[in-house]
C-alpha atoms as a PDB file:
ATOM      1  CA  MET A   1      96.229  37.084-288.665  1.00  0.00           C
ATOM      2  CA  ASN A   2      94.464  39.104-285.994  1.00  0.00           C
ATOM      3  CA  LYS A   3      95.986  42.467-286.914  1.00  0.00           C
ATOM      4  CA  ALA A   4      95.130  44.922-289.676  1.00  0.00           C
ATOM      5  CA  LYS A   5      96.999  47.967-290.913  1.00  0.00           C
ATOM      6  CA  ILE A   6      95.122  51.188-291.580  1.00  0.00           C
ATOM      7  CA  MET A   7      96.122  54.596-292.945  1.00  0.00           C
ATOM      8  CA  VAL A   8      94.424  57.138-290.690  1.00  0.00           C
ATOM      9  CA  PHE A   9      93.340  60.590-291.899  1.00  0.00           C
ATOM     10  CA  GLU A  10      93.079  63.196-289.141  1.00  0.00           C
ATOM     11  CA  GLY A  11      92.438  66.396-291.051  1.00  0.00           C
ATOM     12  CA  GLN A  12      93.419  68.662-293.925  1.00  0.00           C
ATOM     13  CA  GLY A  13      97.133  69.312-294.151  1.00  0.00           C
ATOM     14  CA  GLN A  14      98.077  66.456-291.858  1.00  0.00           C
ATOM     15  CA  PRO A  15      99.880  63.415-293.250  1.00  0.00           C
ATOM     16  CA  MET A  16      98.044  60.134-292.895  1.00  0.00           C
ATOM     17  CA  SER A  17      99.640  57.739-290.442  1.00  0.00           C
ATOM     18  CA  LEU A  18      99.998  53.974-290.628  1.00  0.00           C
ATOM     19  CA  GLN A  19      98.469  52.313-287.577  1.00  0.00           C
ATOM     20  CA  GLU A  20      97.846  48.753-286.474  1.00  0.00           C
ATOM     21  CA  GLN A  21      94.394  47.621-285.417  1.00  0.00           C
ATOM     22  CA  THR A  22      93.250  44.381-283.832  1.00  0.00           C
ATOM     23  CA  ILE A  23      90.689  42.626-286.024  1.00  0.00           C
ATOM     24  CA  PRO A  24      87.614  42.217-283.814  1.00  0.00           C
ATOM     25  CA  ASP A  25      85.370  39.176-283.669  1.00  0.00           C
ATOM     26  CA  LEU A  26      82.666  39.380-286.298  1.00  0.00           C
ATOM     27  CA  LYS A  27      79.198  40.441-285.216  1.00  0.00           C
ATOM     28  CA  SER A  28      75.980  38.989-286.567  1.00  0.00           C
ATOM     29  CA  GLY A  29      75.724  39.178-290.357  1.00  0.00           C
ATOM     30  CA  GLU A  30      79.248  40.496-290.938  1.00  0.00           C
ATOM     31  CA  ILE A  31      81.965  39.386-293.382  1.00  0.00           C
ATOM     32  CA  LEU A  32      85.711  39.964-293.028  1.00  0.00           C
ATOM     33  CA  VAL A  33      87.359  40.901-296.301  1.00  0.00           C
ATOM     34  CA  LYS A  34      91.006  41.315-297.223  1.00  0.00           C
ATOM     35  CA  ASN A  35      91.221  44.493-299.298  1.00  0.00           C
ATOM     36  CA  LEU A  36      93.080  43.882-302.553  1.00  0.00           C
ATOM     37  CA  TYR A  37      92.850  47.235-304.293  1.00  0.00           C
ATOM     38  CA  THR A  38      91.480  50.723-303.659  1.00  0.00           C
ATOM     39  CA  SER A  39      91.239  53.631-306.077  1.00  0.00           C
ATOM     40  CA  ILE A  40      91.196  57.238-304.898  1.00  0.00           C
ATOM     41  CA  CYS A  41      87.849  58.847-305.705  1.00  0.00           C
ATOM     42  CA  GLY A  42      87.146  62.549-306.159  1.00  0.00           C
ATOM     43  CA  SER A  43      85.284  62.652-302.845  1.00  0.00           C
ATOM     44  CA  ASP A  44      88.401  61.280-301.113  1.00  0.00           C
ATOM     45  CA  LEU A  45      90.367  64.166-302.602  1.00  0.00           C
ATOM     46  CA  HIS A  46      87.685  66.657-301.535  1.00  0.00           C
ATOM     47  CA  THR A  47      88.044  65.434-297.945  1.00  0.00           C
ATOM     48  CA  TYR A  48      91.827  65.431-298.151  1.00  0.00           C
ATOM     49  CA  CYS A  49      91.849  69.022-299.444  1.00  0.00           C
ATOM     50  CA  GLY A  50      89.275  70.290-296.944  1.00  0.00           C
ATOM     51  CA  LEU A  51      86.444  70.795-299.455  1.00  0.00           C
ATOM     52  CA  ARG A  52      84.398  68.120-297.711  1.00  0.00           C
ATOM     53  CA  GLN A  53      84.178  67.556-293.966  1.00  0.00           C
ATOM     54  CA  GLU A  54      84.217  64.114-292.375  1.00  0.00           C
ATOM     55  CA  LYS A  55      84.407  63.107-288.746  1.00  0.00           C
ATOM     56  CA  VAL A  56      88.033  62.297-287.969  1.00  0.00           C
ATOM     57  CA  PRO A  57      89.972  60.192-287.457  1.00  0.00           C
ATOM     58  CA  THR A  58      88.785  58.202-290.447  1.00  0.00           C
ATOM     59  CA  VAL A  59      90.029  55.724-293.023  1.00  0.00           C
ATOM     60  CA  LEU A  60      89.358  57.054-296.513  1.00  0.00           C
ATOM     61  CA  GLY A  61      88.671  55.000-299.621  1.00  0.00           C
ATOM     62  CA  HIS A  62      85.400  53.433-300.721  1.00  0.00           C
ATOM     63  CA  GLU A  63      86.223  52.198-304.245  1.00  0.00           C
ATOM     64  CA  ILE A  64      87.374  48.785-303.084  1.00  0.00           C
ATOM     65  CA  VAL A  65      87.638  45.214-304.273  1.00  0.00           C
ATOM     66  CA  GLY A  66      88.550  42.436-301.884  1.00  0.00           C
ATOM     67  CA  GLU A  67      88.660  38.753-301.021  1.00  0.00           C
ATOM     68  CA  ILE A  68      86.530  37.016-298.417  1.00  0.00           C
ATOM     69  CA  ILE A  69      88.462  35.875-295.341  1.00  0.00           C
ATOM     70  CA  SER A  70      85.652  34.724-293.055  1.00  0.00           C
ATOM     71  CA  PHE A  71      81.933  34.927-292.264  1.00  0.00           C
ATOM     72  CA  SER A  72      80.083  35.439-289.008  1.00  0.00           C
ATOM     73  CA  ASP A  73      78.618  32.180-287.716  1.00  0.00           C
ATOM     74  CA  ASP A  74      75.072  33.155-288.693  1.00  0.00           C
ATOM     75  CA  HIS A  75      75.821  34.534-292.161  1.00  0.00           C
ATOM     76  CA  SER A  76      73.886  32.977-295.037  1.00  0.00           C
ATOM     77  CA  LYS A  77      77.069  32.886-297.144  1.00  0.00           C
ATOM     78  CA  THR A  78      75.161  34.203-300.148  1.00  0.00           C
ATOM     79  CA  ASP A  79      75.531  37.448-302.072  1.00  0.00           C
ATOM     80  CA  HIS A  80      72.932  40.112-302.896  1.00  0.00           C
ATOM     81  CA  LEU A  81      71.496  37.958-305.697  1.00  0.00           C
ATOM     82  CA  GLY A  82      71.419  34.777-303.625  1.00  0.00           C
ATOM     83  CA  ASN A  83      74.523  33.257-305.183  1.00  0.00           C
ATOM     84  CA  LYS A  84      76.798  31.150-302.977  1.00  0.00           C
ATOM     85  CA  LEU A  85      79.816  32.880-301.429  1.00  0.00           C
ATOM     86  CA  ASN A  86      82.950  31.081-300.269  1.00  0.00           C
ATOM     87  CA  VAL A  87      86.137  32.006-298.457  1.00  0.00           C
ATOM     88  CA  GLY A  88      88.606  33.178-301.117  1.00  0.00           C
ATOM     89  CA  ASP A  89      85.952  34.623-303.437  1.00  0.00           C
ATOM     90  CA  ARG A  90      86.653  38.036-304.936  1.00  0.00           C
ATOM     91  CA  VAL A  91      83.886  40.500-304.119  1.00  0.00           C
ATOM     92  CA  THR A  92      82.848  44.093-304.433  1.00  0.00           C
ATOM     93  CA  TRP A  93      80.178  45.762-302.327  1.00  0.00           C
ATOM     94  CA  SER A  94      77.934  48.801-302.178  1.00  0.00           C
ATOM     95  CA  ILE A  95      79.553  51.902-300.699  1.00  0.00           C
ATOM     96  CA  PHE A  96      76.862  51.922-298.032  1.00  0.00           C
ATOM     97  CA  SER A  97      74.796  49.697-295.805  1.00  0.00           C
ATOM     98  CA  SER A  98      71.282  50.636-294.716  1.00  0.00           C
ATOM     99  CA  ASP A  99      68.162  49.191-293.163  1.00  0.00           C
ATOM    100  CA  PRO A 100      66.412  47.188-295.929  1.00  0.00           C
ATOM    101  CA  ASP A 101      63.085  47.569-294.138  1.00  0.00           C
ATOM    102  CA  SER A 102      63.115  51.365-294.016  1.00  0.00           C
ATOM    103  CA  GLU A 103      60.577  53.239-296.133  1.00  0.00           C
ATOM    104  CA  LEU A 104      63.206  54.839-298.383  1.00  0.00           C
ATOM    105  CA  SER A 105      64.904  51.492-298.965  1.00  0.00           C
ATOM    106  CA  LYS A 106      61.586  49.929-299.947  1.00  0.00           C
ATOM    107  CA  ALA A 107      61.008  52.897-302.277  1.00  0.00           C
ATOM    108  CA  GLY A 108      64.216  52.091-304.171  1.00  0.00           C
ATOM    109  CA  MET A 109      66.450  54.591-302.389  1.00  0.00           C
ATOM    110  CA  PRO A 110      68.502  52.530-299.915  1.00  0.00           C
ATOM    111  CA  GLN A 111      71.319  55.088-300.202  1.00  0.00           C
ATOM    112  CA  LYS A 112      69.049  57.400-298.188  1.00  0.00           C
ATOM    113  CA  GLY A 113      67.630  54.713-295.905  1.00  0.00           C
ATOM    114  CA  GLU A 114      67.670  54.608-292.126  1.00  0.00           C
ATOM    115  CA  ARG A 115      70.811  53.601-290.211  1.00  0.00           C
ATOM    116  CA  LEU A 116      72.900  54.514-293.233  1.00  0.00           C
ATOM    117  CA  PHE A 117      76.605  53.653-292.983  1.00  0.00           C
ATOM    118  CA  LYS A 118      79.067  54.697-295.678  1.00  0.00           C
ATOM    119  CA  TYR A 119      82.357  52.907-296.168  1.00  0.00           C
ATOM    120  CA  GLY A 120      85.360  55.226-296.369  1.00  0.00           C
ATOM    121  CA  HIS A 121      83.465  58.048-294.651  1.00  0.00           C
ATOM    122  CA  ALA A 122      83.022  56.815-291.063  1.00  0.00           C
ATOM    123  CA  GLN A 123      84.894  57.787-287.937  1.00  0.00           C
ATOM    124  CA  VAL A 124      87.436  55.372-286.496  1.00  0.00           C
ATOM    125  CA  THR A 125      86.514  54.129-283.035  1.00  0.00           C
ATOM    126  CA  ILE A 126      88.149  51.650-280.695  1.00  0.00           C
ATOM    127  CA  ASP A 127      85.936  48.761-281.802  1.00  0.00           C
ATOM    128  CA  ASP A 128      85.055  49.879-285.357  1.00  0.00           C
ATOM    129  CA  ALA A 129      87.982  50.927-287.549  1.00  0.00           C
ATOM    130  CA  LEU A 130      87.945  48.517-290.487  1.00  0.00           C
ATOM    131  CA  HIS A 131      85.535  50.307-292.807  1.00  0.00           C
ATOM    132  CA  GLY A 132      87.699  52.021-295.423  1.00  0.00           C
ATOM    133  CA  GLY A 133      89.757  51.145-298.471  1.00  0.00           C
ATOM    134  CA  LEU A 134      93.069  52.445-297.116  1.00  0.00           C
ATOM    135  CA  SER A 135      93.316  49.407-294.910  1.00  0.00           C
ATOM    136  CA  THR A 136      94.429  45.829-295.264  1.00  0.00           C
ATOM    137  CA  HIS A 137      90.981  44.607-294.167  1.00  0.00           C
ATOM    138  CA  CYS A 138      87.353  45.667-294.192  1.00  0.00           C
ATOM    139  CA  ILE A 139      84.377  44.365-292.223  1.00  0.00           C
ATOM    140  CA  LEU A 140      81.169  44.348-294.285  1.00  0.00           C
ATOM    141  CA  LYS A 141      78.066  45.122-292.295  1.00  0.00           C
ATOM    142  CA  PRO A 142      74.512  43.757-292.655  1.00  0.00           C
ATOM    143  CA  GLY A 143      72.523  45.781-295.159  1.00  0.00           C
ATOM    144  CA  THR A 144      75.458  45.920-297.579  1.00  0.00           C
ATOM    145  CA  ALA A 145      74.936  44.606-301.120  1.00  0.00           C
ATOM    146  CA  ILE A 146      77.786  42.187-301.821  1.00  0.00           C
ATOM    147  CA  LEU A 147      78.462  40.681-305.249  1.00  0.00           C
ATOM    148  CA  GLY A 148      81.038  38.221-306.479  1.00  0.00           C
ATOM    149  CA  ILE A 149      83.206  39.360-309.360  1.00  0.00           C
ATOM    150  CA  SER A 150      85.311  37.359-311.798  1.00  0.00           C
ATOM    151  CA  LYS A 151      89.056  37.303-311.228  1.00  0.00           C
ATOM    152  CA  GLU A 152      89.384  37.956-314.962  1.00  0.00           C
ATOM    153  CA  VAL A 153      88.472  41.588-314.275  1.00  0.00           C
ATOM    154  CA  PRO A 154      91.723  43.442-313.420  1.00  0.00           C
ATOM    155  CA  LEU A 155      91.833  44.747-309.866  1.00  0.00           C
ATOM    156  CA  PRO A 156      92.088  48.459-310.841  1.00  0.00           C
ATOM    157  CA  VAL A 157      88.968  48.048-312.985  1.00  0.00           C
ATOM    158  CA  ALA A 158      87.060  46.040-310.383  1.00  0.00           C
ATOM    159  CA  ALA A 159      87.757  48.722-307.760  1.00  0.00           C
ATOM    160  CA  ILE A 160      85.870  51.477-309.586  1.00  0.00           C
ATOM    161  CA  ILE A 161      82.642  49.476-309.953  1.00  0.00           C
ATOM    162  CA  ASN A 162      81.062  50.279-306.595  1.00  0.00           C
ATOM    163  CA  CYS A 163      81.282  54.054-306.947  1.00  0.00           C
ATOM    164  CA  ALA A 164      81.796  55.579-310.393  1.00  0.00           C
ATOM    165  CA  VAL A 165      80.307  52.769-312.484  1.00  0.00           C
ATOM    166  CA  ALA A 166      77.317  52.139-310.218  1.00  0.00           C
ATOM    167  CA  THR A 167      76.537  55.858-309.969  1.00  0.00           C
ATOM    168  CA  VAL A 168      76.515  56.196-313.756  1.00  0.00           C
ATOM    169  CA  ALA A 169      74.289  53.123-313.944  1.00  0.00           C
ATOM    170  CA  GLY A 170      71.838  55.019-311.761  1.00  0.00           C
ATOM    171  CA  ALA A 171      72.028  58.028-314.072  1.00  0.00           C
ATOM    172  CA  LEU A 172      71.135  55.851-317.066  1.00  0.00           C
ATOM    173  CA  ARG A 173      68.219  54.389-315.142  1.00  0.00           C
ATOM    174  CA  LEU A 174      66.852  57.888-314.614  1.00  0.00           C
ATOM    175  CA  ALA A 175      67.413  58.788-318.267  1.00  0.00           C
ATOM    176  CA  GLY A 176      65.364  55.878-319.593  1.00  0.00           C
ATOM    177  CA  ASN A 177      65.653  54.397-323.069  1.00  0.00           C
ATOM    178  CA  LEU A 178      68.729  55.781-324.876  1.00  0.00           C
ATOM    179  CA  SER A 179      68.349  53.919-328.161  1.00  0.00           C
ATOM    180  CA  GLN A 180      69.288  56.265-331.031  1.00  0.00           C
ATOM    181  CA  LYS A 181      69.212  59.266-328.682  1.00  0.00           C
ATOM    182  CA  THR A 182      71.591  62.225-328.948  1.00  0.00           C
ATOM    183  CA  ILE A 183      73.564  62.517-325.736  1.00  0.00           C
ATOM    184  CA  LEU A 184      75.564  65.341-324.163  1.00  0.00           C
ATOM    185  CA  ILE A 185      77.926  64.610-321.268  1.00  0.00           C
ATOM    186  CA  THR A 186      79.491  67.543-319.438  1.00  0.00           C
ATOM    187  CA  GLY A 187      82.546  66.499-317.452  1.00  0.00           C
ATOM    188  CA  SER A 188      85.070  64.022-318.817  1.00  0.00           C
ATOM    189  CA  GLY A 189      86.414  62.619-315.589  1.00  0.00           C
ATOM    190  CA  LEU A 190      85.862  58.976-314.783  1.00  0.00           C
ATOM    191  CA  LEU A 191      82.097  59.458-314.467  1.00  0.00           C
ATOM    192  CA  GLY A 192      81.985  61.016-317.923  1.00  0.00           C
ATOM    193  CA  MET A 193      84.066  58.258-319.495  1.00  0.00           C
ATOM    194  CA  VAL A 194      81.944  55.536-317.930  1.00  0.00           C
ATOM    195  CA  CYS A 195      78.802  57.377-319.031  1.00  0.00           C
ATOM    196  CA  ALA A 196      79.982  57.525-322.633  1.00  0.00           C
ATOM    197  CA  ALA A 197      80.737  53.803-322.610  1.00  0.00           C
ATOM    198  CA  MET A 198      77.405  52.905-321.032  1.00  0.00           C
ATOM    199  CA  CYS A 199      75.485  55.120-323.455  1.00  0.00           C
ATOM    200  CA  LYS A 200      77.305  53.487-326.362  1.00  0.00           C
ATOM    201  CA  VAL A 201      76.366  50.003-325.166  1.00  0.00           C
ATOM    202  CA  ALA A 202      72.787  51.210-324.560  1.00  0.00           C
ATOM    203  CA  GLY A 203      72.513  52.101-328.258  1.00  0.00           C
ATOM    204  CA  ALA A 204      72.821  55.890-328.189  1.00  0.00           C
ATOM    205  CA  GLY A 205      72.835  57.427-331.664  1.00  0.00           C
ATOM    206  CA  PHE A 206      75.432  60.164-331.067  1.00  0.00           C
ATOM    207  CA  ILE A 207      77.463  61.060-327.991  1.00  0.00           C
ATOM    208  CA  HIS A 208      78.921  64.518-327.326  1.00  0.00           C
ATOM    209  CA  ILE A 209      81.253  65.088-324.393  1.00  0.00           C
ATOM    210  CA  ALA A 210      82.445  68.495-323.173  1.00  0.00           C
ATOM    211  CA  ASP A 211      85.046  69.615-320.649  1.00  0.00           C
ATOM    212  CA  ILE A 212      87.602  72.316-319.871  1.00  0.00           C
ATOM    213  CA  ASN A 213      90.425  69.741-319.681  1.00  0.00           C
ATOM    214  CA  PRO A 214      91.879  68.910-323.126  1.00  0.00           C
ATOM    215  CA  LEU A 215      93.911  65.949-321.853  1.00  0.00           C
ATOM    216  CA  ARG A 216      90.846  64.204-320.502  1.00  0.00           C
ATOM    217  CA  LEU A 217      88.899  64.870-323.681  1.00  0.00           C
ATOM    218  CA  GLU A 218      91.612  63.081-325.671  1.00  0.00           C
ATOM    219  CA  GLN A 219      90.521  59.796-324.081  1.00  0.00           C
ATOM    220  CA  ALA A 220      86.821  60.275-324.698  1.00  0.00           C
ATOM    221  CA  SER A 221      86.606  58.747-328.169  1.00  0.00           C
ATOM    222  CA  ASP A 222      88.087  55.492-326.846  1.00  0.00           C
ATOM    223  CA  PHE A 223      85.145  55.282-324.446  1.00  0.00           C
ATOM    224  CA  GLY A 224      82.496  55.783-327.114  1.00  0.00           C
ATOM    225  CA  ALA A 225      82.218  59.556-327.610  1.00  0.00           C
ATOM    226  CA  ASN A 226      81.560  60.681-331.192  1.00  0.00           C
ATOM    227  CA  GLU A 227      82.518  64.338-330.737  1.00  0.00           C
ATOM    228  CA  THR A 228      84.328  66.349-328.056  1.00  0.00           C
ATOM    229  CA  HIS A 229      83.993  70.028-327.139  1.00  0.00           C
ATOM    230  CA  LEU A 230      86.721  71.983-325.342  1.00  0.00           C
ATOM    231  CA  LEU A 231      84.943  74.632-323.299  1.00  0.00           C
ATOM    232  CA  THR A 232      87.931  76.880-322.574  1.00  0.00           C
ATOM    233  CA  ASP A 233      87.454  78.436-326.001  1.00  0.00           C
ATOM    234  CA  SER A 234      84.772  81.121-325.577  1.00  0.00           C
ATOM    235  CA  SER A 235      83.700  80.677-329.197  1.00  0.00           C
ATOM    236  CA  VAL A 236      82.703  77.046-328.612  1.00  0.00           C
ATOM    237  CA  GLN A 237      78.959  76.487-328.449  1.00  0.00           C
ATOM    238  CA  LEU A 238      77.398  73.306-327.157  1.00  0.00           C
ATOM    239  CA  PRO A 239      75.387  71.431-329.784  1.00  0.00           C
ATOM    240  CA  GLY A 240      71.605  71.703-329.826  1.00  0.00           C
ATOM    241  CA  GLY A 241      68.957  69.047-330.244  1.00  0.00           C
ATOM    242  CA  ILE A 242      70.155  67.028-327.254  1.00  0.00           C
ATOM    243  CA  ASP A 243      67.789  64.317-325.999  1.00  0.00           C
ATOM    244  CA  VAL A 244      69.589  63.594-322.723  1.00  0.00           C
ATOM    245  CA  ALA A 245      72.205  65.771-321.012  1.00  0.00           C
ATOM    246  CA  PHE A 246      74.230  64.169-318.233  1.00  0.00           C
ATOM    247  CA  ASP A 247      76.230  66.484-315.980  1.00  0.00           C
ATOM    248  CA  MET A 248      79.161  64.860-314.232  1.00  0.00           C
ATOM    249  CA  SER A 249      81.070  68.074-313.500  1.00  0.00           C
ATOM    250  CA  GLY A 250      78.991  69.834-310.870  1.00  0.00           C
ATOM    251  CA  SER A 251      79.670  73.097-312.685  1.00  0.00           C
ATOM    252  CA  ALA A 252      76.740  75.535-312.570  1.00  0.00           C
ATOM    253  CA  ASP A 253      77.805  76.899-315.964  1.00  0.00           C
ATOM    254  CA  ALA A 254      77.786  73.406-317.461  1.00  0.00           C
ATOM    255  CA  MET A 255      74.347  72.589-316.081  1.00  0.00           C
ATOM    256  CA  GLU A 256      72.860  75.865-317.303  1.00  0.00           C
ATOM    257  CA  ASN A 257      74.357  75.511-320.760  1.00  0.00           C
ATOM    258  CA  SER A 258      73.271  71.902-321.111  1.00  0.00           C
ATOM    259  CA  LEU A 259      69.686  72.872-320.271  1.00  0.00           C
ATOM    260  CA  SER A 260      69.764  75.312-323.168  1.00  0.00           C
ATOM    261  CA  ALA A 261      71.033  72.563-325.471  1.00  0.00           C
ATOM    262  CA  LEU A 262      68.128  70.209-324.786  1.00  0.00           C
ATOM    263  CA  ALA A 263      65.555  69.503-327.455  1.00  0.00           C
ATOM    264  CA  ILE A 264      61.831  69.686-326.742  1.00  0.00           C
ATOM    265  CA  GLY A 265      61.026  66.905-324.275  1.00  0.00           C
ATOM    266  CA  GLY A 266      64.674  66.537-323.316  1.00  0.00           C
ATOM    267  CA  LYS A 267      65.986  65.275-319.991  1.00  0.00           C
ATOM    268  CA  ALA A 268      68.799  66.567-317.795  1.00  0.00           C
ATOM    269  CA  VAL A 269      70.337  64.156-315.291  1.00  0.00           C
ATOM    270  CA  TRP A 270      72.649  65.779-312.752  1.00  0.00           C
ATOM    271  CA  ILE A 271      75.013  63.725-310.588  1.00  0.00           C
ATOM    272  CA  GLY A 272      78.152  65.880-310.348  1.00  0.00           C
ATOM    273  CA  ALA A 273      76.876  68.595-307.995  1.00  0.00           C
ATOM    274  CA  VAL A 274      78.037  67.118-304.689  1.00  0.00           C
ATOM    275  CA  PHE A 275      80.046  70.097-303.478  1.00  0.00           C
ATOM    276  CA  ASN A 276      79.201  73.685-302.606  1.00  0.00           C
ATOM    277  CA  THR A 277      79.151  76.070-305.564  1.00  0.00           C
ATOM    278  CA  ARG A 278      77.003  78.921-306.854  1.00  0.00           C
ATOM    279  CA  LYS A 279      73.313  78.330-307.420  1.00  0.00           C
ATOM    280  CA  VAL A 280      72.147  77.219-310.846  1.00  0.00           C
ATOM    281  CA  GLN A 281      69.971  79.761-312.652  1.00  0.00           C
ATOM    282  CA  VAL A 282      66.997  78.185-314.421  1.00  0.00           C
ATOM    283  CA  ASP A 283      64.708  79.839-316.953  1.00  0.00           C
ATOM    284  CA  ALA A 284      61.450  78.392-315.663  1.00  0.00           C
ATOM    285  CA  GLU A 285      59.429  79.513-318.685  1.00  0.00           C
ATOM    286  CA  SER A 286      61.837  77.764-321.036  1.00  0.00           C
ATOM    287  CA  ILE A 287      61.696  74.589-318.943  1.00  0.00           C
ATOM    288  CA  VAL A 288      57.905  74.613-319.012  1.00  0.00           C
ATOM    289  CA  ARG A 289      57.441  75.479-322.677  1.00  0.00           C
ATOM    290  CA  ARG A 290      60.027  72.950-323.878  1.00  0.00           C
ATOM    291  CA  LEU A 291      58.719  70.172-321.584  1.00  0.00           C
ATOM    292  CA  ILE A 292      62.132  69.678-319.985  1.00  0.00           C
ATOM    293  CA  THR A 293      62.711  67.167-317.179  1.00  0.00           C
ATOM    294  CA  ILE A 294      65.487  67.626-314.611  1.00  0.00           C
ATOM    295  CA  LYS A 295      66.486  64.715-312.392  1.00  0.00           C
ATOM    296  CA  GLY A 296      69.168  64.454-309.726  1.00  0.00           C
ATOM    297  CA  LEU A 297      70.978  61.411-308.362  1.00  0.00           C
ATOM    298  CA  HIS A 298      73.228  60.971-305.329  1.00  0.00           C
ATOM    299  CA  ASN A 299      74.978  57.618-305.085  1.00  0.00           C
ATOM    300  CA  TYR A 300      72.845  54.702-306.387  1.00  0.00           C
ATOM    301  CA  ASN A 301      70.525  51.873-305.446  1.00  0.00           C
ATOM    302  CA  PHE A 302      71.154  48.139-305.422  1.00  0.00           C
ATOM    303  CA  GLU A 303      69.630  47.670-308.885  1.00  0.00           C
ATOM    304  CA  ASP A 304      72.228  50.111-310.235  1.00  0.00           C
ATOM    305  CA  PHE A 305      75.000  48.247-308.437  1.00  0.00           C
ATOM    306  CA  VAL A 306      74.009  44.949-310.047  1.00  0.00           C
ATOM    307  CA  TYR A 307      73.897  46.662-313.461  1.00  0.00           C
ATOM    308  CA  ALA A 308      77.389  48.065-312.879  1.00  0.00           C
ATOM    309  CA  VAL A 309      78.924  44.695-312.014  1.00  0.00           C
ATOM    310  CA  ASN A 310      77.336  43.096-315.076  1.00  0.00           C
ATOM    311  CA  PHE A 311      78.431  45.973-317.310  1.00  0.00           C
ATOM    312  CA  ILE A 312      82.084  45.760-316.294  1.00  0.00           C
ATOM    313  CA  SER A 313      82.080  41.960-316.396  1.00  0.00           C
ATOM    314  CA  LYS A 314      80.930  42.089-320.024  1.00  0.00           C
ATOM    315  CA  ASN A 315      82.728  45.220-321.230  1.00  0.00           C
ATOM    316  CA  HIS A 316      85.987  45.637-319.333  1.00  0.00           C
ATOM    317  CA  GLN A 317      87.891  44.659-322.489  1.00  0.00           C
ATOM    318  CA  VAL A 318      85.623  46.512-324.930  1.00  0.00           C
ATOM    319  CA  PHE A 319      86.699  49.901-323.576  1.00  0.00           C
ATOM    320  CA  PRO A 320      90.166  50.821-322.193  1.00  0.00           C
ATOM    321  CA  PHE A 321      89.208  50.709-318.532  1.00  0.00           C
ATOM    322  CA  GLU A 322      92.657  49.342-317.746  1.00  0.00           C
ATOM    323  CA  LYS A 323      94.002  52.857-318.486  1.00  0.00           C
ATOM    324  CA  VAL A 324      91.777  54.556-315.905  1.00  0.00           C
ATOM    325  CA  VAL A 325      94.382  54.169-313.145  1.00  0.00           C
ATOM    326  CA  SER A 326      97.411  56.101-314.320  1.00  0.00           C
ATOM    327  CA  LYS A 327      99.698  55.285-311.397  1.00  0.00           C
ATOM    328  CA  GLU A 328      99.770  52.782-308.541  1.00  0.00           C
ATOM    329  CA  PHE A 329     101.133  53.136-305.028  1.00  0.00           C
ATOM    330  CA  SER A 330     101.402  50.843-302.025  1.00  0.00           C
ATOM    331  CA  LEU A 331      99.482  51.396-298.796  1.00  0.00           C
ATOM    332  CA  LEU A 332     102.664  52.710-297.189  1.00  0.00           C
ATOM    333  CA  ASP A 333     102.926  55.334-299.921  1.00  0.00           C
ATOM    334  CA  THR A 334      99.368  56.624-299.529  1.00  0.00           C
ATOM    335  CA  ASN A 335     100.476  60.185-298.748  1.00  0.00           C
ATOM    336  CA  GLU A 336     102.500  60.309-301.952  1.00  0.00           C
ATOM    337  CA  ALA A 337      99.511  58.889-303.846  1.00  0.00           C
ATOM    338  CA  PHE A 338      97.234  61.702-302.683  1.00  0.00           C
ATOM    339  CA  LYS A 339      99.834  64.355-303.470  1.00  0.00           C
ATOM    340  CA  TYR A 340     100.200  62.897-306.958  1.00  0.00           C
ATOM    341  CA  ALA A 341      96.431  62.820-307.480  1.00  0.00           C
ATOM    342  CA  VAL A 342      96.015  66.458-306.416  1.00  0.00           C
ATOM    343  CA  ALA A 343      98.923  67.679-308.539  1.00  0.00           C
ATOM    344  CA  ASN A 344      98.205  65.704-311.724  1.00  0.00           C
ATOM    345  CA  LYS A 345      94.409  65.222-311.660  1.00  0.00           C
ATOM    346  CA  PRO A 346      94.365  61.806-313.383  1.00  0.00           C
ATOM    347  CA  LEU A 347      91.131  59.841-313.731  1.00  0.00           C
ATOM    348  CA  ARG A 348      92.235  57.625-310.864  1.00  0.00           C
ATOM    349  CA  VAL A 349      95.253  56.757-308.734  1.00  0.00           C
ATOM    350  CA  GLY A 350      95.383  53.240-307.335  1.00  0.00           C
ATOM    351  CA  ILE A 351      96.465  51.766-304.008  1.00  0.00           C
ATOM    352  CA  ASN A 352      97.567  48.177-304.499  1.00  0.00           C
ATOM    353  CA  LEU A 353      97.117  46.458-301.136  1.00  0.00           C
ATOM    354  CA  ASP A 354      99.232  43.494-302.235  1.00  0.00           C
ATOM    355  CA  GLN A 355     102.267  45.771-302.272  1.00  0.00           C
ATOM    356  CA  GLN A 356     104.146  46.455-299.062  1.00  0.00           C
ATOM    357  CA  THR A 357     106.449  49.257-300.187  1.00  0.00           C
ATOM    358  CA  GLY A 358     107.348  51.279-303.240  1.00  0.00           C
ATOM    359  CA  GLN A 359     105.492  52.369-306.320  1.00  0.00           C
ATOM    360  CA  SER A 360     104.669  50.772-309.634  1.00  0.00           C
ATOM    361  CA  ASN A 361     103.171  51.706-312.996  1.00  0.00           C
ATOM    362  CA  GLY A 362     104.983  55.040-312.794  1.00  0.00           C
END
């Protein structure tokens, strides 16, 4: 068991290739994990389509859940919260590792800390290739938050925790108390669905969700939305009196319109704008006179990650998270999985690492 298989991405328009990699000896503080399941995130698709540049060759995939195979000799064998870890435990981990002693880490922003390493975004080298989800194995580095997760949580649901769910947890942290608040969510992809569910559990009074995709909006009520708004109709106006507006779309139009919808003292939390688009136009006088707050979030901190694991552990059966992955593929069929994701734009496509060939859940 000293070999791993990886699907290597070498650039836009090039098919990913299956390669074999020797599993190296673990360095200080590392854990070897067998990847069980990976879901294809929007940022993976951005890289695949050339909208985002990564150093290549690389192994994509950062929404991962796995099983512990072994620890380095000096590892404490405990998780981020100090709980005991054992070989065979199912775990999820933060999409990054960073120096816990850096100033930004101490300030609650480890995702911007020194010596930052992001899983699923790093270049493959001779001695460091096992750091993505499209691989049979992953080596977890020191500075990574690792948490055990119950095997009762289905693998496709567990996989989305360390990206989409944790990021939304960070957005709610920035928004503050949501009890009885009126919420607007622009963007009904996975982030929007998770946001609706989290807002519902947090006691929001009324949840609006808006998008240009009618098929995605159809699922919104199952995740806690009270009212949906299809924005392709020019006559549709976003509701007013919004206490908190979350943007998950990255659309400049959506962010501008949601600012206009905010009530006096309202908050806008933007997390979708992670790709290049036109600049957002802000009416500064309106922001000042209406006491509006705008906050941005990229990725999340460890507090958010813990919240996300707890949220899914308690609520994975309350909302239809099992429907998030619309189709599964094997590692060998990764190229077909990406083509399907680009063509059909589902919430998520899954890569089941327990499969060797073929497709399922078609």
